Structure formats: C-alpha cells, structure tokens
Amino acid sequence: REPTWFKANPYHYRDRAIFIGDAAHSMVPFFGQGLNCGLEDVRVLDVILREEGVDPYEPSSPNTEDARLSKALKRYTESRHKDLVAICDLAMSN
C-alpha cells in the first residue's frame, strides 16, 4: 500500500496546471535524489511536450481546452508516476 504523504496522482489538471518536482513527489532526503528527480521531471515533460507538438511559450485560450496540451500532461502523469513512487520508496528504505 502506498503512503499518501508523497504521492500525488494525477500530477495535472486538464490543460491548466501540473505539479512537478517536490510539489508532486516530496521525499525524505536520505537518498539525496529530490533535486535530481525534479530535474528529470523537467526533462521528461519537455520531451513529451515536443512529441505532442505543444509550444510551451504559446499562450492558451482561457475559454477552450488545448487537446494537445491536455494529452501531453496526461502522458506525463502516466509516465512518471511509477518512477516517482519507486524513488520515494528507495529513499524511505535507505
């Protein structure tokens, strides 16, 4: 059973917001991987945004949902959760 104190899921809300870094997966400092994990979040998110053709500098409309961005953020949540749970578990068991 997963403890709830470090595992947000999903990490996104539609095409409007996303948690990355410690906001999504705060972890105890015993394994020393919190910063590395946060930087990996940024790298993975960048790759997924590029694959989905999302321009992170293009403003979105407040009245319509951007389907590409929504899909990209969903992919991010799905791809990172298992890894983030694993690193948090390793930190706790260290």
PDB file of N, CA and C in Angstrom:
ATOM      1  N   ARG A   1       0.848  -1.187   0.000  1.00  0.00           N
ATOM      2  CA  ARG A   1       0.000   0.000   0.000  1.00  0.00           C
ATOM      3  C   ARG A   1       0.878   1.229   0.000  1.00  0.00           C
ATOM      4  N   GLU A   2       0.541   2.207  -0.838  1.00  0.00           N
ATOM      5  CA  GLU A   2       1.327   3.433  -0.945  1.00  0.00           C
ATOM      6  C   GLU A   2       0.984   4.415   0.165  1.00  0.00           C
ATOM      7  N   PRO A   3       2.010   4.926   0.868  1.00  0.00           N
ATOM      8  CA  PRO A   3       1.731   6.041   1.784  1.00  0.00           C
ATOM      9  C   PRO A   3       1.265   7.236   0.966  1.00  0.00           C
ATOM     10  N   THR A   4       0.440   8.073   1.549  1.00  0.00           N
ATOM     11  CA  THR A   4      -0.124   9.194   0.798  1.00  0.00           C
ATOM     12  C   THR A   4       0.674  10.478   0.927  1.00  0.00           C
ATOM     13  N   TRP A   5       1.672  10.537   1.772  1.00  0.00           N
ATOM     14  CA  TRP A   5       2.352  11.800   2.046  1.00  0.00           C
ATOM     15  C   TRP A   5       3.259  12.284   0.937  1.00  0.00           C
ATOM     16  N   PHE A   6       3.589  11.452  -0.041  1.00  0.00           N
ATOM     17  CA  PHE A   6       4.478  11.938  -1.089  1.00  0.00           C
ATOM     18  C   PHE A   6       4.004  11.638  -2.496  1.00  0.00           C
ATOM     19  N   LYS A   7       2.851  11.125  -2.667  1.00  0.00           N
ATOM     20  CA  LYS A   7       2.454  10.638  -3.981  1.00  0.00           C
ATOM     21  C   LYS A   7       1.175  11.285  -4.484  1.00  0.00           C
ATOM     22  N   ALA A   8       1.320  12.364  -5.210  1.00  0.00           N
ATOM     23  CA  ALA A   8       0.169  12.970  -5.869  1.00  0.00           C
ATOM     24  C   ALA A   8      -0.119  12.169  -7.138  1.00  0.00           C
ATOM     25  N   ASN A   9      -1.382  12.041  -7.489  1.00  0.00           N
ATOM     26  CA  ASN A   9      -1.734  11.385  -8.747  1.00  0.00           C
ATOM     27  C   ASN A   9      -3.186  11.695  -9.039  1.00  0.00           C
ATOM     28  N   PRO A  10      -3.490  12.326 -10.141  1.00  0.00           N
ATOM     29  CA  PRO A  10      -2.598  12.718 -11.230  1.00  0.00           C
ATOM     30  C   PRO A  10      -1.801  13.972 -10.882  1.00  0.00           C
ATOM     31  N   TYR A  11      -0.787  14.243 -11.686  1.00  0.00           N
ATOM     32  CA  TYR A  11       0.058  15.415 -11.476  1.00  0.00           C
ATOM     33  C   TYR A  11      -0.469  16.635 -12.226  1.00  0.00           C
ATOM     34  N   HIS A  12      -1.498  16.445 -12.997  1.00  0.00           N
ATOM     35  CA  HIS A  12      -2.005  17.543 -13.829  1.00  0.00           C
ATOM     36  C   HIS A  12      -3.505  17.738 -13.612  1.00  0.00           C
ATOM     37  N   TYR A  13      -3.975  18.911 -14.041  1.00  0.00           N
ATOM     38  CA  TYR A  13      -5.408  19.181 -14.096  1.00  0.00           C
ATOM     39  C   TYR A  13      -5.704  19.677 -15.505  1.00  0.00           C
ATOM     40  N   ARG A  14      -6.345  18.810 -16.286  1.00  0.00           N
ATOM     41  CA  ARG A  14      -6.691  19.114 -17.678  1.00  0.00           C
ATOM     42  C   ARG A  14      -5.491  19.716 -18.409  1.00  0.00           C
ATOM     43  N   ASP A  15      -5.671  20.878 -19.013  1.00  0.00           N
ATOM     44  CA  ASP A  15      -4.564  21.555 -19.686  1.00  0.00           C
ATOM     45  C   ASP A  15      -4.162  22.806 -18.928  1.00  0.00           C
ATOM     46  N   ARG A  16      -4.515  22.879 -17.653  1.00  0.00           N
ATOM     47  CA  ARG A  16      -4.360  24.123 -16.890  1.00  0.00           C
ATOM     48  C   ARG A  16      -3.207  24.145 -15.901  1.00  0.00           C
ATOM     49  N   ALA A  17      -2.884  23.022 -15.307  1.00  0.00           N
ATOM     50  CA  ALA A  17      -1.871  23.042 -14.258  1.00  0.00           C
ATOM     51  C   ALA A  17      -1.175  21.693 -14.169  1.00  0.00           C
ATOM     52  N   ILE A  18       0.057  21.736 -13.682  1.00  0.00           N
ATOM     53  CA  ILE A  18       0.812  20.500 -13.469  1.00  0.00           C
ATOM     54  C   ILE A  18       1.727  20.683 -12.268  1.00  0.00           C
ATOM     55  N   PHE A  19       1.862  19.626 -11.482  1.00  0.00           N
ATOM     56  CA  PHE A  19       2.822  19.600 -10.386  1.00  0.00           C
ATOM     57  C   PHE A  19       4.068  18.876 -10.872  1.00  0.00           C
ATOM     58  N   ILE A  20       5.228  19.454 -10.623  1.00  0.00           N
ATOM     59  CA  ILE A  20       6.486  18.766 -10.892  1.00  0.00           C
ATOM     60  C   ILE A  20       7.409  18.997  -9.702  1.00  0.00           C
ATOM     61  N   GLY A  21       8.480  18.252  -9.653  1.00  0.00           N
ATOM     62  CA  GLY A  21       9.434  18.408  -8.562  1.00  0.00           C
ATOM     63  C   GLY A  21       8.831  18.025  -7.229  1.00  0.00           C
ATOM     64  N   ASP A  22       9.279  18.690  -6.175  1.00  0.00           N
ATOM     65  CA  ASP A  22       8.821  18.351  -4.824  1.00  0.00           C
ATOM     66  C   ASP A  22       7.323  18.536  -4.633  1.00  0.00           C
ATOM     67  N   ALA A  23       6.701  19.382  -5.421  1.00  0.00           N
ATOM     68  CA  ALA A  23       5.249  19.556  -5.304  1.00  0.00           C
ATOM     69  C   ALA A  23       4.526  18.257  -5.651  1.00  0.00           C
ATOM     70  N   ALA A  24       5.091  17.463  -6.537  1.00  0.00           N
ATOM     71  CA  ALA A  24       4.465  16.212  -6.956  1.00  0.00           C
ATOM     72  C   ALA A  24       4.974  15.013  -6.175  1.00  0.00           C
ATOM     73  N   HIS A  25       6.177  15.108  -5.670  1.00  0.00           N
ATOM     74  CA  HIS A  25       6.769  13.934  -5.029  1.00  0.00           C
ATOM     75  C   HIS A  25       7.823  14.336  -4.007  1.00  0.00           C
ATOM     76  N   SER A  26       7.375  14.999  -2.964  1.00  0.00           N
ATOM     77  CA  SER A  26       8.348  15.323  -1.916  1.00  0.00           C
ATOM     78  C   SER A  26       8.844  14.022  -1.322  1.00  0.00           C
ATOM     79  N   MET A  27      10.111  14.009  -1.009  1.00  0.00           N
ATOM     80  CA  MET A  27      10.683  12.777  -0.480  1.00  0.00           C
ATOM     81  C   MET A  27      11.653  13.112   0.651  1.00  0.00           C
ATOM     82  N   VAL A  28      11.868  12.139   1.478  1.00  0.00           N
ATOM     83  CA  VAL A  28      12.834  12.319   2.548  1.00  0.00           C
ATOM     84  C   VAL A  28      14.218  12.477   1.922  1.00  0.00           C
ATOM     85  N   PRO A  29      15.117  13.203   2.579  1.00  0.00           N
ATOM     86  CA  PRO A  29      16.412  13.490   1.969  1.00  0.00           C
ATOM     87  C   PRO A  29      17.443  12.367   2.099  1.00  0.00           C
ATOM     88  N   PHE A  30      17.059  11.226   2.623  1.00  0.00           N
ATOM     89  CA  PHE A  30      18.023  10.178   2.929  1.00  0.00           C
ATOM     90  C   PHE A  30      18.709   9.589   1.705  1.00  0.00           C
ATOM     91  N   PHE A  31      18.078   9.638   0.559  1.00  0.00           N
ATOM     92  CA  PHE A  31      18.651   9.062  -0.658  1.00  0.00           C
ATOM     93  C   PHE A  31      19.320  10.142  -1.506  1.00  0.00           C
ATOM     94  N   GLY A  32      19.026  11.412  -1.205  1.00  0.00           N
ATOM     95  CA  GLY A  32      19.656  12.523  -1.892  1.00  0.00           C
ATOM     96  C   GLY A  32      19.272  12.662  -3.350  1.00  0.00           C
ATOM     97  N   GLN A  33      18.041  12.300  -3.708  1.00  0.00           N
ATOM     98  CA  GLN A  33      17.641  12.327  -5.110  1.00  0.00           C
ATOM     99  C   GLN A  33      16.525  13.316  -5.425  1.00  0.00           C
ATOM    100  N   GLY A  34      16.107  14.127  -4.470  1.00  0.00           N
ATOM    101  CA  GLY A  34      14.992  15.047  -4.698  1.00  0.00           C
ATOM    102  C   GLY A  34      15.245  16.013  -5.836  1.00  0.00           C
ATOM    103  N   LEU A  35      16.394  16.682  -5.842  1.00  0.00           N
ATOM    104  CA  LEU A  35      16.710  17.628  -6.909  1.00  0.00           C
ATOM    105  C   LEU A  35      16.869  16.916  -8.238  1.00  0.00           C
ATOM    106  N   ASN A  36      17.571  15.786  -8.239  1.00  0.00           N
ATOM    107  CA  ASN A  36      17.735  15.027  -9.485  1.00  0.00           C
ATOM    108  C   ASN A  36      16.386  14.624 -10.062  1.00  0.00           C
ATOM    109  N   CYS A  37      15.489  14.206  -9.210  1.00  0.00           N
ATOM    110  CA  CYS A  37      14.159  13.781  -9.647  1.00  0.00           C
ATOM    111  C   CYS A  37      13.390  14.965 -10.239  1.00  0.00           C
ATOM    112  N   GLY A  38      13.491  16.123  -9.608  1.00  0.00           N
ATOM    113  CA  GLY A  38      12.830  17.314 -10.126  1.00  0.00           C
ATOM    114  C   GLY A  38      13.367  17.720 -11.488  1.00  0.00           C
ATOM    115  N   LEU A  39      14.689  17.639 -11.665  1.00  0.00           N
ATOM    116  CA  LEU A  39      15.284  17.957 -12.968  1.00  0.00           C
ATOM    117  C   LEU A  39      14.856  16.939 -14.024  1.00  0.00           C
ATOM    118  N   GLU A  40      14.758  15.691 -13.632  1.00  0.00           N
ATOM    119  CA  GLU A  40      14.280  14.663 -14.561  1.00  0.00           C
ATOM    120  C   GLU A  40      12.828  14.929 -14.950  1.00  0.00           C
ATOM    121  N   ASP A  41      12.021  15.406 -14.010  1.00  0.00           N
ATOM    122  CA  ASP A  41      10.642  15.785 -14.329  1.00  0.00           C
ATOM    123  C   ASP A  41      10.615  16.800 -15.467  1.00  0.00           C
ATOM    124  N   VAL A  42      11.458  17.813 -15.361  1.00  0.00           N
ATOM    125  CA  VAL A  42      11.501  18.867 -16.383  1.00  0.00           C
ATOM    126  C   VAL A  42      11.925  18.290 -17.728  1.00  0.00           C
ATOM    127  N   ARG A  43      12.935  17.424 -17.714  1.00  0.00           N
ATOM    128  CA  ARG A  43      13.403  16.818 -18.968  1.00  0.00           C
ATOM    129  C   ARG A  43      12.312  15.975 -19.619  1.00  0.00           C
ATOM    130  N   VAL A  44      11.674  15.134 -18.823  1.00  0.00           N
ATOM    131  CA  VAL A  44      10.621  14.264 -19.355  1.00  0.00           C
ATOM    132  C   VAL A  44       9.454  15.097 -19.884  1.00  0.00           C
ATOM    133  N   LEU A  45       9.049  16.109 -19.136  1.00  0.00           N
ATOM    134  CA  LEU A  45       7.948  16.967 -19.581  1.00  0.00           C
ATOM    135  C   LEU A  45       8.306  17.662 -20.889  1.00  0.00           C
ATOM    136  N   ASP A  46       9.525  18.153 -21.015  1.00  0.00           N
ATOM    137  CA  ASP A  46       9.961  18.800 -22.246  1.00  0.00           C
ATOM    138  C   ASP A  46       9.880  17.851 -23.442  1.00  0.00           C
ATOM    139  N   VAL A  47      10.359  16.633 -23.258  1.00  0.00           N
ATOM    140  CA  VAL A  47      10.307  15.640 -24.337  1.00  0.00           C
ATOM    141  C   VAL A  47       8.867  15.375 -24.757  1.00  0.00           C
ATOM    142  N   ILE A  48       7.993  15.182 -23.787  1.00  0.00           N
ATOM    143  CA  ILE A  48       6.590  14.884 -24.096  1.00  0.00           C
ATOM    144  C   ILE A  48       5.917  16.066 -24.782  1.00  0.00           C
ATOM    145  N   LEU A  49       6.158  17.282 -24.310  1.00  0.00           N
ATOM    146  CA  LEU A  49       5.571  18.462 -24.958  1.00  0.00           C
ATOM    147  C   LEU A  49       6.014  18.554 -26.411  1.00  0.00           C
ATOM    148  N   ARG A  50       7.285  18.310 -26.664  1.00  0.00           N
ATOM    149  CA  ARG A  50       7.793  18.356 -28.045  1.00  0.00           C
ATOM    150  C   ARG A  50       7.153  17.270 -28.900  1.00  0.00           C
ATOM    151  N   GLU A  51       7.040  16.067 -28.357  1.00  0.00           N
ATOM    152  CA  GLU A  51       6.433  14.962 -29.111  1.00  0.00           C
ATOM    153  C   GLU A  51       4.981  15.247 -29.463  1.00  0.00           C
ATOM    154  N   GLU A  52       4.283  15.937 -28.593  1.00  0.00           N
ATOM    155  CA  GLU A  52       2.870  16.258 -28.837  1.00  0.00           C
ATOM    156  C   GLU A  52       2.687  17.550 -29.643  1.00  0.00           C
ATOM    157  N   GLY A  53       3.793  18.211 -29.976  1.00  0.00           N
ATOM    158  CA  GLY A  53       3.711  19.436 -30.770  1.00  0.00           C
ATOM    159  C   GLY A  53       3.204  20.634 -29.995  1.00  0.00           C
ATOM    160  N   VAL A  54       3.444  20.657 -28.691  1.00  0.00           N
ATOM    161  CA  VAL A  54       2.990  21.758 -27.847  1.00  0.00           C
ATOM    162  C   VAL A  54       4.104  22.790 -27.735  1.00  0.00           C
ATOM    163  N   ASP A  55       3.783  24.043 -28.004  1.00  0.00           N
ATOM    164  CA  ASP A  55       4.726  25.141 -27.824  1.00  0.00           C
ATOM    165  C   ASP A  55       4.483  25.726 -26.440  1.00  0.00           C
ATOM    166  N   PRO A  56       5.422  25.523 -25.500  1.00  0.00           N
ATOM    167  CA  PRO A  56       5.179  25.996 -24.132  1.00  0.00           C
ATOM    168  C   PRO A  56       5.136  27.518 -24.008  1.00  0.00           C
ATOM    169  N   TYR A  57       5.547  28.218 -25.045  1.00  0.00           N
ATOM    170  CA  TYR A  57       5.550  29.682 -24.999  1.00  0.00           C
ATOM    171  C   TYR A  57       4.322  30.292 -25.674  1.00  0.00           C
ATOM    172  N   GLU A  58       3.502  29.447 -26.255  1.00  0.00           N
ATOM    173  CA  GLU A  58       2.275  29.918 -26.909  1.00  0.00           C
ATOM    174  C   GLU A  58       1.168  29.992 -25.870  1.00  0.00           C
ATOM    175  N   PRO A  59       0.607  31.176 -25.663  1.00  0.00           N
ATOM    176  CA  PRO A  59      -0.467  31.273 -24.653  1.00  0.00           C
ATOM    177  C   PRO A  59      -1.698  30.485 -25.082  1.00  0.00           C
ATOM    178  N   SER A  60      -2.350  29.889 -24.124  1.00  0.00           N
ATOM    179  CA  SER A  60      -3.569  29.148 -24.426  1.00  0.00           C
ATOM    180  C   SER A  60      -4.779  30.016 -24.132  1.00  0.00           C
ATOM    181  N   SER A  61      -5.868  29.668 -24.758  1.00  0.00           N
ATOM    182  CA  SER A  61      -7.107  30.401 -24.549  1.00  0.00           C
ATOM    183  C   SER A  61      -7.705  30.017 -23.205  1.00  0.00           C
ATOM    184  N   PRO A  62      -8.152  30.991 -22.427  1.00  0.00           N
ATOM    185  CA  PRO A  62      -8.758  30.654 -21.132  1.00  0.00           C
ATOM    186  C   PRO A  62     -10.133  30.011 -21.272  1.00  0.00           C
ATOM    187  N   ASN A  63     -10.709  30.054 -22.473  1.00  0.00           N
ATOM    188  CA  ASN A  63     -12.075  29.561 -22.663  1.00  0.00           C
ATOM    189  C   ASN A  63     -12.174  28.200 -23.325  1.00  0.00           C
ATOM    190  N   THR A  64     -11.075  27.705 -23.864  1.00  0.00           N
ATOM    191  CA  THR A  64     -11.116  26.400 -24.523  1.00  0.00           C
ATOM    192  C   THR A  64      -9.964  25.538 -24.026  1.00  0.00           C
ATOM    193  N   GLU A  65     -10.189  24.246 -24.041  1.00  0.00           N
ATOM    194  CA  GLU A  65      -9.148  23.315 -23.613  1.00  0.00           C
ATOM    195  C   GLU A  65      -8.249  22.983 -24.792  1.00  0.00           C
ATOM    196  N   ASP A  66      -6.960  23.039 -24.588  1.00  0.00           N
ATOM    197  CA  ASP A  66      -5.975  22.671 -25.600  1.00  0.00           C
ATOM    198  C   ASP A  66      -5.793  21.158 -25.542  1.00  0.00           C
ATOM    199  N   ALA A  67      -6.321  20.453 -26.529  1.00  0.00           N
ATOM    200  CA  ALA A  67      -6.315  18.988 -26.517  1.00  0.00           C
ATOM    201  C   ALA A  67      -4.900  18.432 -26.531  1.00  0.00           C
ATOM    202  N   ARG A  68      -3.997  19.068 -27.278  1.00  0.00           N
ATOM    203  CA  ARG A  68      -2.618  18.579 -27.327  1.00  0.00           C
ATOM    204  C   ARG A  68      -1.928  18.715 -25.976  1.00  0.00           C
ATOM    205  N   LEU A  69      -2.120  19.856 -25.335  1.00  0.00           N
ATOM    206  CA  LEU A  69      -1.506  20.066 -24.032  1.00  0.00           C
ATOM    207  C   LEU A  69      -2.109  19.133 -22.983  1.00  0.00           C
ATOM    208  N   SER A  70      -3.412  18.969 -23.020  1.00  0.00           N
ATOM    209  CA  SER A  70      -4.077  18.062 -22.092  1.00  0.00           C
ATOM    210  C   SER A  70      -3.545  16.637 -22.249  1.00  0.00           C
ATOM    211  N   LYS A  71      -3.383  16.203 -23.485  1.00  0.00           N
ATOM    212  CA  LYS A  71      -2.853  14.862 -23.764  1.00  0.00           C
ATOM    213  C   LYS A  71      -1.408  14.745 -23.275  1.00  0.00           C
ATOM    214  N   ALA A  72      -0.610  15.773 -23.507  1.00  0.00           N
ATOM    215  CA  ALA A  72       0.786  15.754 -23.078  1.00  0.00           C
ATOM    216  C   ALA A  72       0.890  15.660 -21.558  1.00  0.00           C
ATOM    217  N   LEU A  73       0.090  16.434 -20.852  1.00  0.00           N
ATOM    218  CA  LEU A  73       0.145  16.408 -19.392  1.00  0.00           C
ATOM    219  C   LEU A  73      -0.333  15.068 -18.841  1.00  0.00           C
ATOM    220  N   LYS A  74      -1.324  14.484 -19.496  1.00  0.00           N
ATOM    221  CA  LYS A  74      -1.790  13.155 -19.085  1.00  0.00           C
ATOM    222  C   LYS A  74      -0.681  12.122 -19.298  1.00  0.00           C
ATOM    223  N   ARG A  75      -0.004  12.205 -20.438  1.00  0.00           N
ATOM    224  CA  ARG A  75       1.119  11.292 -20.705  1.00  0.00           C
ATOM    225  C   ARG A  75       2.211  11.454 -19.654  1.00  0.00           C
ATOM    226  N   TYR A  76       2.475  12.700 -19.266  1.00  0.00           N
ATOM    227  CA  TYR A  76       3.490  12.952 -18.242  1.00  0.00           C
ATOM    228  C   TYR A  76       3.115  12.238 -16.940  1.00  0.00           C
ATOM    229  N   THR A  77       1.881  12.428 -16.500  1.00  0.00           N
ATOM    230  CA  THR A  77       1.424  11.768 -15.272  1.00  0.00           C
ATOM    231  C   THR A  77       1.593  10.263 -15.384  1.00  0.00           C
ATOM    232  N   GLU A  78       1.144   9.703 -16.491  1.00  0.00           N
ATOM    233  CA  GLU A  78       1.202   8.253 -16.666  1.00  0.00           C
ATOM    234  C   GLU A  78       2.632   7.735 -16.731  1.00  0.00           C
ATOM    235  N   SER A  79       3.523   8.507 -17.326  1.00  0.00           N
ATOM    236  CA  SER A  79       4.896   8.026 -17.492  1.00  0.00           C
ATOM    237  C   SER A  79       5.746   8.213 -16.245  1.00  0.00           C
ATOM    238  N   ARG A  80       5.454   9.201 -15.419  1.00  0.00           N
ATOM    239  CA  ARG A  80       6.321   9.500 -14.272  1.00  0.00           C
ATOM    240  C   ARG A  80       5.890   8.826 -12.974  1.00  0.00           C
ATOM    241  N   HIS A  81       4.622   8.519 -12.809  1.00  0.00           N
ATOM    242  CA  HIS A  81       4.152   8.062 -11.500  1.00  0.00           C
ATOM    243  C   HIS A  81       4.901   6.833 -10.987  1.00  0.00           C
ATOM    244  N   LYS A  82       5.045   5.818 -11.796  1.00  0.00           N
ATOM    245  CA  LYS A  82       5.710   4.594 -11.353  1.00  0.00           C
ATOM    246  C   LYS A  82       7.155   4.880 -10.931  1.00  0.00           C
ATOM    247  N   ASP A  83       7.881   5.679 -11.713  1.00  0.00           N
ATOM    248  CA  ASP A  83       9.264   6.022 -11.373  1.00  0.00           C
ATOM    249  C   ASP A  83       9.340   6.819 -10.080  1.00  0.00           C
ATOM    250  N   LEU A  84       8.413   7.747  -9.909  1.00  0.00           N
ATOM    251  CA  LEU A  84       8.444   8.594  -8.725  1.00  0.00           C
ATOM    252  C   LEU A  84       8.096   7.819  -7.459  1.00  0.00           C
ATOM    253  N   VAL A  85       7.176   6.902  -7.572  1.00  0.00           N
ATOM    254  CA  VAL A  85       6.859   6.041  -6.425  1.00  0.00           C
ATOM    255  C   VAL A  85       8.089   5.215  -6.059  1.00  0.00           C
ATOM    256  N   ALA A  86       8.778   4.696  -7.067  1.00  0.00           N
ATOM    257  CA  ALA A  86       9.959   3.864  -6.814  1.00  0.00           C
ATOM    258  C   ALA A  86      11.058   4.648  -6.110  1.00  0.00           C
ATOM    259  N   ILE A  87      11.366   5.855  -6.572  1.00  0.00           N
ATOM    260  CA  ILE A  87      12.444   6.626  -5.959  1.00  0.00           C
ATOM    261  C   ILE A  87      12.078   7.047  -4.538  1.00  0.00           C
ATOM    262  N   CYS A  88      10.821   7.381  -4.313  1.00  0.00           N
ATOM    263  CA  CYS A  88      10.394   7.728  -2.950  1.00  0.00           C
ATOM    264  C   CYS A  88      10.498   6.518  -2.018  1.00  0.00           C
ATOM    265  N   ASP A  89      10.113   5.363  -2.512  1.00  0.00           N
ATOM    266  CA  ASP A  89      10.243   4.134  -1.711  1.00  0.00           C
ATOM    267  C   ASP A  89      11.704   3.830  -1.405  1.00  0.00           C
ATOM    268  N   LEU A  90      12.592   4.014  -2.392  1.00  0.00           N
ATOM    269  CA  LEU A  90      14.023   3.793  -2.156  1.00  0.00           C
ATOM    270  C   LEU A  90      14.556   4.750  -1.084  1.00  0.00           C
ATOM    271  N   ALA A  91      14.129   5.999  -1.166  1.00  0.00           N
ATOM    272  CA  ALA A  91      14.582   6.986  -0.182  1.00  0.00           C
ATOM    273  C   ALA A  91      14.126   6.593   1.227  1.00  0.00           C
ATOM    274  N   MET A  92      12.909   6.114   1.349  1.00  0.00           N
ATOM    275  CA  MET A  92      12.399   5.711   2.667  1.00  0.00           C
ATOM    276  C   MET A  92      13.116   4.479   3.208  1.00  0.00           C
ATOM    277  N   SER A  93      13.511   3.582   2.339  1.00  0.00           N
ATOM    278  CA  SER A  93      14.140   2.352   2.800  1.00  0.00           C
ATOM    279  C   SER A  93      15.656   2.488   2.985  1.00  0.00           C
ATOM    280  N   ASN A  94      16.214   3.599   2.551  1.00  0.00           N
ATOM    281  CA  ASN A  94      17.666   3.809   2.664  1.00  0.00           C
ATOM    282  C   ASN A  94      18.069   4.045   4.103  1.00  0.00           C
TER     283      ASN A  94
END
